[in-house]
Amino acid sequence: MKIKKTVPILLAAIVVMALALTGCSKAGGEYGSFTAYTLDGGTFRGRDIASKDLTVINFWGTFCSPCIAEMPDLAAFEKSLPDNVQLITICVDAQGNEETAKFLLDQAGYTGITLTSGDESFNGILNGIQAVPTTVFVGPDGAEVGEEIIGMQPDLESAYLSAINSCLKELGKGEISVEK
């Protein structure tokens, strides 16, 4: 008799654990519903992703030597992108380090959007990042596409361009080239 009462409780516990574990996977649209603050004092929302065919998001930290080393290449690449693709950065430790982040970005020549903090949805995105630098690719619906790039790339432009074109193909969009 005791076993019959325990089985439903055990099954319920298994279901709850399974749902909790799947929360860490690539959930469709997770990038489409956040609000974040930019390093320059503005606001960026997940819906700002919908205006582009593809959004490239680079996660970095002020403590990360490889992140800082690749930032000049990232800055140059961001400036060479066509209008249908945007590259933004998220500085994972910018809160309280805004001046350091600004200094490093200025030194690298990066003038694009950098996100620093945000709402609960934004924090959930940050919690899903295991290492920096990490770059993810997001379609206009807010869902990740393609494979993320983890670590510094010896030839950033080539690696990113290949990944972007693979993602655009997956989304049914035409390939891009970058201006040198």
C-alpha atoms as a PDB file:
ATOM      1  CA  MET A   1       0.000   0.000   0.000  1.00  0.00           C
ATOM      2  CA  LYS A   2       2.819   2.420   0.820  1.00  0.00           C
ATOM      3  CA  ILE A   3       4.394   1.892  -2.651  1.00  0.00           C
ATOM      4  CA  LYS A   4       1.188   2.933  -4.447  1.00  0.00           C
ATOM      5  CA  LYS A   5       1.251   6.326  -2.671  1.00  0.00           C
ATOM      6  CA  THR A   6       4.944   6.884  -3.385  1.00  0.00           C
ATOM      7  CA  VAL A   7       4.828   6.243  -7.155  1.00  0.00           C
ATOM      8  CA  PRO A   8       2.792   9.374  -8.104  1.00  0.00           C
ATOM      9  CA  ILE A   9       5.043  11.548  -5.930  1.00  0.00           C
ATOM     10  CA  LEU A  10       8.149  10.021  -7.489  1.00  0.00           C
ATOM     11  CA  LEU A  11       6.765  10.522 -11.027  1.00  0.00           C
ATOM     12  CA  ALA A  12       5.897  14.142 -10.262  1.00  0.00           C
ATOM     13  CA  ALA A  13       9.433  14.735  -8.958  1.00  0.00           C
ATOM     14  CA  ILE A  14      10.928  13.226 -12.141  1.00  0.00           C
ATOM     15  CA  VAL A  15       8.760  15.463 -14.342  1.00  0.00           C
ATOM     16  CA  VAL A  16       9.746  18.593 -12.378  1.00  0.00           C
ATOM     17  CA  MET A  17      13.440  17.685 -12.604  1.00  0.00           C
ATOM     18  CA  ALA A  18      13.165  17.040 -16.351  1.00  0.00           C
ATOM     19  CA  LEU A  19      11.520  20.419 -16.923  1.00  0.00           C
ATOM     20  CA  ALA A  20      14.176  22.160 -14.846  1.00  0.00           C
ATOM     21  CA  LEU A  21      16.984  20.504 -16.780  1.00  0.00           C
ATOM     22  CA  THR A  22      15.555  21.348 -20.192  1.00  0.00           C
ATOM     23  CA  GLY A  23      15.500  25.023 -19.205  1.00  0.00           C
ATOM     24  CA  CYS A  24      19.223  25.123 -19.975  1.00  0.00           C
ATOM     25  CA  SER A  25      18.854  24.007 -23.582  1.00  0.00           C
ATOM     26  CA  LYS A  26      18.479  26.154 -26.694  1.00  0.00           C
ATOM     27  CA  ALA A  27      14.892  27.181 -26.153  1.00  0.00           C
ATOM     28  CA  GLY A  28      13.263  28.714 -29.197  1.00  0.00           C
ATOM     29  CA  GLY A  29      12.875  32.440 -28.840  1.00  0.00           C
ATOM     30  CA  GLU A  30      14.823  32.893 -25.612  1.00  0.00           C
ATOM     31  CA  TYR A  31      16.616  35.937 -27.071  1.00  0.00           C
ATOM     32  CA  GLY A  32      13.379  37.495 -28.268  1.00  0.00           C
ATOM     33  CA  SER A  33      11.920  38.604 -24.958  1.00  0.00           C
ATOM     34  CA  PHE A  34      14.549  40.351 -22.857  1.00  0.00           C
ATOM     35  CA  THR A  35      15.268  43.953 -21.972  1.00  0.00           C
ATOM     36  CA  ALA A  36      18.844  45.046 -21.374  1.00  0.00           C
ATOM     37  CA  TYR A  37      20.776  48.237 -20.817  1.00  0.00           C
ATOM     38  CA  THR A  38      23.589  49.345 -23.072  1.00  0.00           C
ATOM     39  CA  LEU A  39      26.965  50.626 -21.986  1.00  0.00           C
ATOM     40  CA  ASP A  40      26.072  54.065 -23.368  1.00  0.00           C
ATOM     41  CA  GLY A  41      22.889  54.283 -21.262  1.00  0.00           C
ATOM     42  CA  GLY A  42      20.360  53.119 -23.843  1.00  0.00           C
ATOM     43  CA  THR A  43      17.954  50.190 -23.887  1.00  0.00           C
ATOM     44  CA  PHE A  44      18.053  47.142 -26.146  1.00  0.00           C
ATOM     45  CA  ARG A  45      15.165  44.711 -26.322  1.00  0.00           C
ATOM     46  CA  GLY A  46      14.865  41.242 -27.714  1.00  0.00           C
ATOM     47  CA  ARG A  47      12.510  42.617 -30.323  1.00  0.00           C
ATOM     48  CA  ASP A  48      15.437  44.680 -31.695  1.00  0.00           C
ATOM     49  CA  ILE A  49      16.779  41.335 -32.924  1.00  0.00           C
ATOM     50  CA  ALA A  50      13.710  40.850 -35.144  1.00  0.00           C
ATOM     51  CA  SER A  51      14.728  43.727 -37.408  1.00  0.00           C
ATOM     52  CA  LYS A  52      17.763  41.796 -38.727  1.00  0.00           C
ATOM     53  CA  ASP A  53      18.158  38.527 -40.625  1.00  0.00           C
ATOM     54  CA  LEU A  54      20.807  37.498 -38.085  1.00  0.00           C
ATOM     55  CA  THR A  55      22.212  38.862 -34.847  1.00  0.00           C
ATOM     56  CA  VAL A  56      25.688  37.814 -33.761  1.00  0.00           C
ATOM     57  CA  ILE A  57      26.131  38.077 -29.980  1.00  0.00           C
ATOM     58  CA  ASN A  58      29.626  37.974 -28.486  1.00  0.00           C
ATOM     59  CA  PHE A  59      29.848  37.387 -24.725  1.00  0.00           C
ATOM     60  CA  TRP A  60      33.056  38.694 -23.163  1.00  0.00           C
ATOM     61  CA  GLY A  61      34.492  39.861 -19.857  1.00  0.00           C
ATOM     62  CA  THR A  62      36.888  42.585 -18.757  1.00  0.00           C
ATOM     63  CA  PHE A  63      38.883  39.882 -16.910  1.00  0.00           C
ATOM     64  CA  CYS A  64      39.312  37.734 -20.045  1.00  0.00           C
ATOM     65  CA  SER A  65      42.625  38.168 -21.893  1.00  0.00           C
ATOM     66  CA  PRO A  66      41.478  36.285 -25.039  1.00  0.00           C
ATOM     67  CA  CYS A  67      38.313  38.436 -25.131  1.00  0.00           C
ATOM     68  CA  ILE A  68      40.357  41.623 -24.987  1.00  0.00           C
ATOM     69  CA  ALA A  69      42.875  40.316 -27.525  1.00  0.00           C
ATOM     70  CA  GLU A  70      40.175  39.544 -30.113  1.00  0.00           C
ATOM     71  CA  MET A  71      38.211  42.771 -29.589  1.00  0.00           C
ATOM     72  CA  PRO A  72      40.047  44.816 -32.282  1.00  0.00           C
ATOM     73  CA  ASP A  73      39.277  42.082 -34.853  1.00  0.00           C
ATOM     74  CA  LEU A  74      35.687  41.936 -33.617  1.00  0.00           C
ATOM     75  CA  ALA A  75      35.425  45.739 -33.916  1.00  0.00           C
ATOM     76  CA  ALA A  76      36.699  45.700 -37.500  1.00  0.00           C
ATOM     77  CA  PHE A  77      34.411  42.810 -38.409  1.00  0.00           C
ATOM     78  CA  GLU A  78      31.357  44.544 -36.912  1.00  0.00           C
ATOM     79  CA  LYS A  79      31.991  47.612 -39.072  1.00  0.00           C
ATOM     80  CA  SER A  80      32.216  45.489 -42.229  1.00  0.00           C
ATOM     81  CA  LEU A  81      28.837  43.762 -41.860  1.00  0.00           C
ATOM     82  CA  PRO A  82      25.943  44.521 -44.229  1.00  0.00           C
ATOM     83  CA  ASP A  83      22.738  46.039 -42.836  1.00  0.00           C
ATOM     84  CA  ASN A  84      20.864  42.720 -42.519  1.00  0.00           C
ATOM     85  CA  VAL A  85      23.356  41.320 -39.972  1.00  0.00           C
ATOM     86  CA  GLN A  86      24.209  42.956 -36.667  1.00  0.00           C
ATOM     87  CA  LEU A  87      26.902  42.167 -34.137  1.00  0.00           C
ATOM     88  CA  ILE A  88      26.421  43.139 -30.503  1.00  0.00           C
ATOM     89  CA  THR A  89      28.476  42.319 -27.441  1.00  0.00           C
ATOM     90  CA  ILE A  90      27.468  41.470 -23.908  1.00  0.00           C
ATOM     91  CA  CYS A  91      30.020  42.245 -21.233  1.00  0.00           C
ATOM     92  CA  VAL A  92      29.293  39.642 -18.556  1.00  0.00           C
ATOM     93  CA  ASP A  93      30.958  41.635 -15.760  1.00  0.00           C
ATOM     94  CA  ALA A  94      30.148  45.189 -16.821  1.00  0.00           C
ATOM     95  CA  GLN A  95      27.987  45.999 -13.808  1.00  0.00           C
ATOM     96  CA  GLY A  96      30.325  47.971 -11.569  1.00  0.00           C
ATOM     97  CA  ASN A  97      33.055  47.819 -14.241  1.00  0.00           C
ATOM     98  CA  GLU A  98      31.483  50.140 -16.790  1.00  0.00           C
ATOM     99  CA  GLU A  99      34.503  52.433 -17.059  1.00  0.00           C
ATOM    100  CA  THR A 100      36.873  49.495 -17.597  1.00  0.00           C
ATOM    101  CA  ALA A 101      34.570  48.038 -20.249  1.00  0.00           C
ATOM    102  CA  LYS A 102      34.322  51.431 -22.008  1.00  0.00           C
ATOM    103  CA  PHE A 103      38.093  51.845 -21.911  1.00  0.00           C
ATOM    104  CA  LEU A 104      38.740  48.379 -23.389  1.00  0.00           C
ATOM    105  CA  LEU A 105      36.152  48.872 -26.136  1.00  0.00           C
ATOM    106  CA  ASP A 106      37.532  52.328 -26.971  1.00  0.00           C
ATOM    107  CA  GLN A 107      41.070  50.925 -27.160  1.00  0.00           C
ATOM    108  CA  ALA A 108      39.842  48.211 -29.549  1.00  0.00           C
ATOM    109  CA  GLY A 109      37.869  50.658 -31.705  1.00  0.00           C
ATOM    110  CA  TYR A 110      34.542  48.923 -31.046  1.00  0.00           C
ATOM    111  CA  THR A 111      31.671  51.374 -31.520  1.00  0.00           C
ATOM    112  CA  GLY A 112      28.746  48.935 -31.669  1.00  0.00           C
ATOM    113  CA  ILE A 113      26.172  48.003 -29.047  1.00  0.00           C
ATOM    114  CA  THR A 114      27.351  46.496 -25.766  1.00  0.00           C
ATOM    115  CA  LEU A 115      24.804  45.200 -23.269  1.00  0.00           C
ATOM    116  CA  THR A 116      25.620  45.332 -19.570  1.00  0.00           C
ATOM    117  CA  SER A 117      22.630  44.304 -17.456  1.00  0.00           C
ATOM    118  CA  GLY A 118      18.969  43.614 -17.800  1.00  0.00           C
ATOM    119  CA  ASP A 119      15.790  41.943 -16.675  1.00  0.00           C
ATOM    120  CA  GLU A 120      15.236  38.375 -15.493  1.00  0.00           C
ATOM    121  CA  SER A 121      15.139  37.039 -19.065  1.00  0.00           C
ATOM    122  CA  PHE A 122      18.475  38.705 -19.801  1.00  0.00           C
ATOM    123  CA  ASN A 123      19.969  37.239 -16.621  1.00  0.00           C
ATOM    124  CA  GLY A 124      18.728  33.813 -17.717  1.00  0.00           C
ATOM    125  CA  ILE A 125      20.651  34.224 -20.967  1.00  0.00           C
ATOM    126  CA  LEU A 126      23.792  35.189 -19.047  1.00  0.00           C
ATOM    127  CA  ASN A 127      23.426  32.178 -16.772  1.00  0.00           C
ATOM    128  CA  GLY A 128      23.470  29.911 -19.827  1.00  0.00           C
ATOM    129  CA  ILE A 129      26.956  31.052 -20.853  1.00  0.00           C
ATOM    130  CA  GLN A 130      29.650  28.735 -19.545  1.00  0.00           C
ATOM    131  CA  ALA A 131      32.801  30.410 -20.930  1.00  0.00           C
ATOM    132  CA  VAL A 132      33.981  33.635 -22.514  1.00  0.00           C
ATOM    133  CA  PRO A 133      34.511  34.507 -25.227  1.00  0.00           C
ATOM    134  CA  THR A 134      31.410  32.782 -26.560  1.00  0.00           C
ATOM    135  CA  THR A 135      29.558  33.886 -29.661  1.00  0.00           C
ATOM    136  CA  VAL A 136      26.013  32.811 -30.498  1.00  0.00           C
ATOM    137  CA  PHE A 137      23.901  33.420 -33.589  1.00  0.00           C
ATOM    138  CA  VAL A 138      20.260  34.428 -33.272  1.00  0.00           C
ATOM    139  CA  GLY A 139      17.559  34.526 -35.931  1.00  0.00           C
ATOM    140  CA  PRO A 140      14.845  37.192 -36.156  1.00  0.00           C
ATOM    141  CA  ASP A 141      12.499  35.016 -34.060  1.00  0.00           C
ATOM    142  CA  GLY A 142      14.925  35.163 -31.124  1.00  0.00           C
ATOM    143  CA  ALA A 143      15.996  31.525 -31.397  1.00  0.00           C
ATOM    144  CA  GLU A 144      19.619  30.451 -31.623  1.00  0.00           C
ATOM    145  CA  VAL A 145      20.710  29.054 -34.966  1.00  0.00           C
ATOM    146  CA  GLY A 146      23.873  27.277 -35.991  1.00  0.00           C
ATOM    147  CA  GLU A 147      26.719  26.372 -33.694  1.00  0.00           C
ATOM    148  CA  GLU A 148      28.139  28.714 -31.097  1.00  0.00           C
ATOM    149  CA  ILE A 149      31.791  29.688 -31.287  1.00  0.00           C
ATOM    150  CA  ILE A 150      33.649  29.227 -28.029  1.00  0.00           C
ATOM    151  CA  GLY A 151      37.094  30.681 -27.494  1.00  0.00           C
ATOM    152  CA  MET A 152      39.301  33.098 -29.352  1.00  0.00           C
ATOM    153  CA  GLN A 153      39.537  32.493 -33.100  1.00  0.00           C
ATOM    154  CA  PRO A 154      42.947  32.780 -34.817  1.00  0.00           C
ATOM    155  CA  ASP A 155      41.180  34.073 -37.957  1.00  0.00           C
ATOM    156  CA  LEU A 156      38.082  35.735 -36.537  1.00  0.00           C
ATOM    157  CA  GLU A 157      36.791  37.136 -39.822  1.00  0.00           C
ATOM    158  CA  SER A 158      36.951  33.797 -41.617  1.00  0.00           C
ATOM    159  CA  ALA A 159      35.436  31.826 -38.714  1.00  0.00           C
ATOM    160  CA  TYR A 160      32.613  34.322 -38.167  1.00  0.00           C
ATOM    161  CA  LEU A 161      31.831  34.783 -41.849  1.00  0.00           C
ATOM    162  CA  SER A 162      31.612  31.020 -42.339  1.00  0.00           C
ATOM    163  CA  ALA A 163      29.333  30.647 -39.294  1.00  0.00           C
ATOM    164  CA  ILE A 164      27.144  33.593 -40.345  1.00  0.00           C
ATOM    165  CA  ASN A 165      26.666  32.248 -43.860  1.00  0.00           C
ATOM    166  CA  SER A 166      25.840  28.805 -42.506  1.00  0.00           C
ATOM    167  CA  CYS A 167      23.209  30.358 -40.211  1.00  0.00           C
ATOM    168  CA  LEU A 168      21.762  32.520 -42.988  1.00  0.00           C
ATOM    169  CA  LYS A 169      21.480  29.442 -45.204  1.00  0.00           C
ATOM    170  CA  GLU A 170      19.678  27.611 -42.373  1.00  0.00           C
ATOM    171  CA  LEU A 171      17.268  30.567 -42.178  1.00  0.00           C
ATOM    172  CA  GLY A 172      16.675  30.532 -45.941  1.00  0.00           C
ATOM    173  CA  LYS A 173      18.552  33.809 -46.478  1.00  0.00           C
ATOM    174  CA  GLY A 174      21.325  34.673 -48.913  1.00  0.00           C
ATOM    175  CA  GLU A 175      25.002  34.623 -47.996  1.00  0.00           C
ATOM    176  CA  ILE A 176      26.940  37.778 -47.233  1.00  0.00           C
ATOM    177  CA  SER A 177      30.441  39.005 -47.878  1.00  0.00           C
ATOM    178  CA  VAL A 178      32.274  41.620 -45.886  1.00  0.00           C
ATOM    179  CA  GLU A 179      33.961  44.773 -47.072  1.00  0.00           C
ATOM    180  CA  LYS A 180      37.655  45.088 -46.310  1.00  0.00           C
END
